C-alpha cells in the first residue's frame, strides 16, 4: 500500500502549535507571579480601609487645657495649700484613713502622682520609714519646690521630687511598689500614655490606688459634673485596660464625695 505524504503546510502548522505551547509554558511563572502581586496588593488595600487607626497613632487629649493653671510658673502655692489642706475637703479630713486603706508597708517605694502641695507625700514618708522612698510627681514646678522645702523642714530625707509630663510620669522603671493617684486621674489629659508609664514604673505585683470624685448625674455638684470628665466605671475600665486588675476599695467606706479603688499590676 503506497505511503501518503502529508503536505508541508501540515508540518508547518504543527510546528507553530508546538512553539506556541512552549511560549505559553515559559510565560506561566511570570503570569502567576504577577497574579500573586495583584492579590496581595488588593488584600493590603482592604486591610488599610477597615483599619480604625494607623499604626503608631498618637493618643488625643481627653480634656484639653485642664492643666493650664498648673503649668503657670507663677502658680501661687499658698493659695493651693489653702484649697487642698482644709478640713472641708474630704480627702484631707480623712487623710490618715486613706493612707491606711492603701495597704502601704514600711520599706516600700511609693509614687504620689499629682502630689500637689505634698499633703500625702509627707504622710507616706512617715508610713514607709527610712528604708523606703516617696517619689512626689507633679507637672507644676512650684509644687515640687514647695514639697522639697517642706520635706527638708520636716526631716524627710526619703522624699524625691519628679517633674512629670503630659504623657509620662517620668518614674524609673520597676522603681515603686505603690502608685497613689488622689483627685488627679481626671487631670490626666492622656490617660493611656500616662498609665503605661505607671505600669512600667511598678514592680511586679505593684499596686495602684485611685481616689477621685464620685461623678453621678443628678447627685454630684455642677462643679464635679463639669470638671470631672467621667465616672468611676469609666476610670476603672481605663485602668484595667492599661494592664491592671481591680482588687477592692481598701475598706474606705468613710468616703462619700470620693471613692477609693485598689488595682494590682498584672
Protein backbone atom coordinates (compact mmCIF):
# COMPACT_ATOMS: atom_id res chain seq x y z
CA UNK A 1 0.00 0.00 0.00
CA UNK A 2 1.56 3.29 -1.02
CA UNK A 3 2.57 5.76 1.78
CA UNK A 4 0.60 9.00 1.73
CA UNK A 5 2.76 12.03 2.26
CA UNK A 6 1.34 14.95 4.25
CA UNK A 7 1.71 18.37 2.69
CA UNK A 8 4.42 20.67 4.01
CA UNK A 9 1.73 23.06 5.33
CA UNK A 10 0.59 20.41 7.85
CA UNK A 11 4.04 20.19 9.40
CA UNK A 12 4.36 23.96 9.48
CA UNK A 13 1.10 24.28 11.41
CA UNK A 14 2.15 21.53 13.85
CA UNK A 15 5.47 23.25 14.49
CA UNK A 16 3.69 26.57 15.06
CA UNK A 17 1.31 24.99 17.61
CA UNK A 18 4.24 23.36 19.46
CA UNK A 19 6.10 26.67 19.53
CA UNK A 20 3.03 28.44 20.92
CA UNK A 21 2.68 25.83 23.70
CA UNK A 22 6.36 26.27 24.57
CA UNK A 23 5.98 30.06 24.81
CA UNK A 24 2.83 29.68 26.98
CA UNK A 25 4.57 27.30 29.39
CA UNK A 26 7.56 29.62 29.62
CA UNK A 27 5.30 32.57 30.41
CA UNK A 28 3.31 30.80 33.15
CA UNK A 29 5.68 31.56 36.07
CA UNK A 30 5.68 35.27 35.21
CA UNK A 31 1.88 35.30 34.95
CA UNK A 32 1.45 33.52 38.28
CA UNK A 33 3.90 35.90 39.98
CA UNK A 34 2.07 38.94 38.59
CA UNK A 35 -1.26 37.50 39.71
CA UNK A 36 0.02 36.97 43.26
CA UNK A 37 1.23 40.60 43.34
CA UNK A 38 -2.23 41.84 42.39
CA UNK A 39 -3.92 39.67 45.04
CA UNK A 40 -1.50 40.82 47.76
CA UNK A 41 -1.96 44.49 46.87
CA UNK A 42 -5.73 44.06 46.96
CA UNK A 43 -5.61 42.47 50.43
CA UNK A 44 -3.39 45.24 51.80
CA UNK A 45 -5.74 47.89 50.42
CA UNK A 46 -8.72 46.18 52.07
CA UNK A 47 -6.95 45.92 55.43
CA UNK A 48 -6.00 49.59 55.33
CA UNK A 49 -9.56 50.50 54.52
CA UNK A 50 -11.03 48.75 57.56
CA UNK A 51 -8.23 49.66 59.99
CA UNK A 52 -9.58 52.02 62.70
CA UNK A 53 -6.33 53.96 63.03
CA UNK A 54 -2.85 53.88 61.53
CA UNK A 55 -0.15 52.03 63.42
CA UNK A 56 1.57 54.31 65.90
CA UNK A 57 -1.32 56.80 66.09
CA UNK A 58 -0.92 59.32 68.88
CA UNK A 59 -3.40 59.44 71.76
CA UNK A 60 -5.53 62.59 71.72
CA UNK A 61 -6.11 64.74 74.81
CA UNK A 62 -9.33 63.75 76.58
CA UNK A 63 -9.72 67.20 78.19
CA UNK A 64 -7.53 69.85 76.55
CA UNK A 65 -6.41 72.71 78.77
CA UNK A 66 -7.38 71.18 82.11
CA UNK A 67 -3.81 71.56 83.42
CA UNK A 68 -3.02 75.03 82.08
CA UNK A 69 -3.27 76.57 85.56
CA UNK A 70 -0.66 74.21 86.96
CA UNK A 71 1.76 74.85 84.11
CA UNK A 72 1.94 78.53 85.02
CA UNK A 73 5.41 79.18 86.51
CA UNK A 74 3.84 81.94 88.65
CA UNK A 75 1.48 79.49 90.36
CA UNK A 76 0.66 80.72 93.87
CA UNK A 77 1.33 77.69 96.06
CA UNK A 78 -0.07 79.29 99.21
CA UNK A 79 -3.47 79.64 97.56
CA UNK A 80 -3.50 75.93 96.76
CA UNK A 81 -2.38 74.95 100.24
CA UNK A 82 -5.46 76.80 101.46
CA UNK A 83 -7.64 74.85 99.00
CA UNK A 84 -6.11 71.41 99.38
CA UNK A 85 -5.30 71.30 103.08
CA UNK A 86 -8.56 72.22 104.76
CA UNK A 87 -10.95 70.14 106.85
CA UNK A 88 -13.77 70.95 104.43
CA UNK A 89 -12.01 68.84 101.81
CA UNK A 90 -13.00 65.21 102.34
CA UNK A 91 -9.67 63.64 101.40
CA UNK A 92 -7.88 65.98 103.81
CA UNK A 93 -10.28 65.26 106.66
CA UNK A 94 -9.75 61.50 106.13
CA UNK A 95 -6.10 61.66 105.07
CA UNK A 96 -4.79 59.20 107.67
CA UNK A 97 -7.56 56.67 106.98
CA UNK A 98 -6.84 56.93 103.24
CA UNK A 99 -3.14 56.19 103.71
CA UNK A 100 -4.02 53.16 105.84
CA UNK A 101 -6.53 51.94 103.22
CA UNK A 102 -3.83 51.89 100.53
CA UNK A 103 -2.12 48.99 102.29
CA UNK A 104 1.29 50.69 102.21
CA UNK A 105 4.03 48.86 104.11
CA UNK A 106 7.26 50.02 105.81
CA UNK A 107 10.20 49.94 103.40
CA UNK A 108 8.05 50.35 100.27
CA UNK A 109 8.74 52.82 97.50
CA UNK A 110 5.69 54.96 96.78
CA UNK A 111 4.87 57.36 93.94
CA UNK A 112 2.49 60.18 94.83
CA UNK A 113 1.33 61.12 91.32
CA UNK A 114 -0.20 64.57 91.27
CA UNK A 115 1.42 65.32 94.60
CA UNK A 116 0.28 68.94 94.66
CA UNK A 117 1.28 70.64 97.89
CA UNK A 118 2.72 67.43 99.32
CA UNK A 119 -0.07 66.55 101.73
CA UNK A 120 0.04 62.78 101.08
CA UNK A 121 3.74 62.80 100.21
CA UNK A 122 4.62 63.60 103.82
CA UNK A 123 2.16 61.07 105.20
CA UNK A 124 3.62 58.31 103.03
CA UNK A 125 7.13 59.38 104.03
CA UNK A 126 6.15 58.70 107.65
CA UNK A 127 4.46 55.39 106.77
CA UNK A 128 7.35 53.80 104.86
CA UNK A 129 10.17 54.90 107.11
CA UNK A 130 13.80 55.50 106.21
CA UNK A 131 14.10 52.22 104.28
CA UNK A 132 11.61 53.35 101.66
CA UNK A 133 11.28 56.29 99.28
CA UNK A 134 8.48 58.57 98.16
CA UNK A 135 8.57 59.99 94.63
CA UNK A 136 6.49 63.17 94.57
CA UNK A 137 5.40 63.56 90.94
CA UNK A 138 3.78 66.69 89.55
CA UNK A 139 3.76 68.80 86.40
CA UNK A 140 3.88 72.04 88.44
CA UNK A 141 7.43 73.12 89.30
CA UNK A 142 6.26 75.47 92.10
CA UNK A 143 4.56 72.49 93.80
CA UNK A 144 7.74 70.44 93.59
CA UNK A 145 9.76 73.29 95.05
CA UNK A 146 7.30 73.54 97.94
CA UNK A 147 7.49 69.77 98.55
CA UNK A 148 11.29 69.74 98.56
CA UNK A 149 11.41 72.60 101.06
CA UNK A 150 8.71 71.03 103.20
CA UNK A 151 10.48 67.65 103.24
CA UNK A 152 13.71 69.28 104.39
CA UNK A 153 11.89 71.27 107.07
CA UNK A 154 10.09 68.18 108.38
CA UNK A 155 13.20 65.98 108.22
CA UNK A 156 12.02 63.63 105.46
CA UNK A 157 15.19 62.53 103.68
CA UNK A 158 13.24 59.78 101.87
CA UNK A 159 11.37 62.18 99.56
CA UNK A 160 12.41 62.81 95.95
CA UNK A 161 10.60 65.15 93.57
CA UNK A 162 9.96 64.20 89.94
CA UNK A 163 8.79 66.60 87.23
CA UNK A 164 6.11 64.78 85.28
CA UNK A 165 4.92 65.43 81.73
CA UNK A 166 1.56 65.37 79.96
CA UNK A 167 2.04 61.76 78.86
CA UNK A 168 4.66 60.41 81.25
CA UNK A 169 5.23 60.35 85.00
CA UNK A 170 8.97 60.08 84.31
CA UNK A 171 9.35 57.49 87.05
CA UNK A 172 12.19 54.96 86.77
CA UNK A 173 11.19 51.51 85.54
CA UNK A 174 10.36 48.94 88.23
CA UNK A 175 11.03 51.53 90.93
CA UNK A 176 7.87 51.54 93.10
CA UNK A 177 5.58 49.21 94.99
CA UNK A 178 2.63 51.60 95.10
CA UNK A 179 1.34 54.43 92.92
CA UNK A 180 -1.12 56.75 94.64
CA UNK A 181 -3.38 58.94 92.47
CA UNK A 182 -5.62 61.21 94.54
CA UNK A 183 -8.07 63.60 92.83
CA UNK A 184 -5.63 63.62 89.91
CA UNK A 185 -6.67 60.94 87.44
CA UNK A 186 -9.32 63.23 85.95
CA UNK A 187 -6.43 65.62 85.21
CA UNK A 188 -4.68 63.03 83.01
CA UNK A 189 -5.01 64.52 79.53
CA UNK A 190 -3.54 61.35 78.02
CA UNK A 191 -4.62 58.54 80.37
CA UNK A 192 -3.43 55.66 78.17
CA UNK A 193 0.09 57.02 77.85
CA UNK A 194 0.26 58.09 81.49
CA UNK A 195 -0.98 54.75 82.79
CA UNK A 196 1.51 52.97 80.51
CA UNK A 197 4.32 54.91 82.22
CA UNK A 198 2.88 53.97 85.62
CA UNK A 199 2.70 50.32 84.60
CA UNK A 200 6.39 50.45 83.64
CA UNK A 201 7.32 52.11 86.93
CA UNK A 202 5.65 49.50 89.13
CA UNK A 203 7.42 46.42 90.36
CA UNK A 204 5.76 43.06 89.60
CA UNK A 205 2.52 42.83 91.54
CA UNK A 206 2.68 46.52 92.44
CA UNK A 207 -0.43 48.46 93.42
CA UNK A 208 -2.28 51.46 92.04
CA UNK A 209 -4.64 53.26 94.41
CA UNK A 210 -7.13 55.57 92.77
CA UNK A 211 -9.02 58.22 94.73
CA UNK A 212 -11.30 60.50 92.76
CA UNK A 213 -14.60 62.34 92.85
CA UNK A 214 -17.86 60.47 92.54
CA UNK A 215 -19.50 61.77 89.38
CA UNK A 216 -23.18 60.90 89.44
CA UNK A 217 -25.60 62.92 87.26
CA UNK A 218 -28.43 64.26 89.39
CA UNK A 219 -26.44 63.86 92.61
CA UNK A 220 -22.97 65.34 92.14
CA UNK A 221 -22.38 69.08 92.18
CA UNK A 222 -22.34 71.10 88.98
CA UNK A 223 -18.63 71.70 89.53
CA UNK A 224 -17.91 67.96 89.64
CA UNK A 225 -20.07 67.24 86.60
CA UNK A 226 -18.32 69.95 84.58
CA UNK A 227 -14.78 69.39 85.85
CA UNK A 228 -14.51 65.60 86.09
CA UNK A 229 -14.84 64.09 82.61
CA UNK A 230 -16.23 60.66 83.56
CA UNK A 231 -17.49 58.48 86.38
CA UNK A 232 -15.90 55.70 88.39
CA UNK A 233 -16.85 52.91 85.97
CA UNK A 234 -15.08 54.63 83.06
CA UNK A 235 -11.90 55.33 85.03
CA UNK A 236 -11.80 51.77 86.35
CA UNK A 237 -12.17 50.36 82.83
CA UNK A 238 -9.34 52.57 81.53
CA UNK A 239 -7.01 51.40 84.30
CA UNK A 240 -7.91 47.76 83.77
CA UNK A 241 -7.25 48.15 80.04
CA UNK A 242 -3.80 49.52 80.94
CA UNK A 243 -2.80 46.14 82.41
CA UNK A 244 -4.24 46.13 85.92
CA UNK A 245 -6.77 44.03 87.80
CA UNK A 246 -9.25 45.58 90.22
CA UNK A 247 -8.91 44.41 93.82
CA UNK A 248 -11.13 46.25 96.31
CA UNK A 249 -11.94 49.56 98.00
CA UNK A 250 -9.45 49.05 100.82
CA UNK A 251 -12.30 49.35 103.31
CA UNK A 252 -12.69 53.05 102.54
CA UNK A 253 -16.39 53.19 103.42
CA UNK A 254 -15.77 56.50 105.19
CA UNK A 255 -15.68 58.41 101.86
CA UNK A 256 -18.85 59.98 100.48
CA UNK A 257 -17.83 62.59 97.90
CA UNK A 258 -14.91 60.46 96.72
CA UNK A 259 -14.20 56.78 96.12
CA UNK A 260 -11.08 54.68 96.63
CA UNK A 261 -10.19 51.65 94.46
CA UNK A 262 -7.09 49.46 94.56
CA UNK A 263 -5.61 47.73 91.50
CA UNK A 264 -2.73 45.30 91.04
CA UNK A 265 -0.32 45.22 88.12
CA UNK A 266 -0.80 42.10 86.02
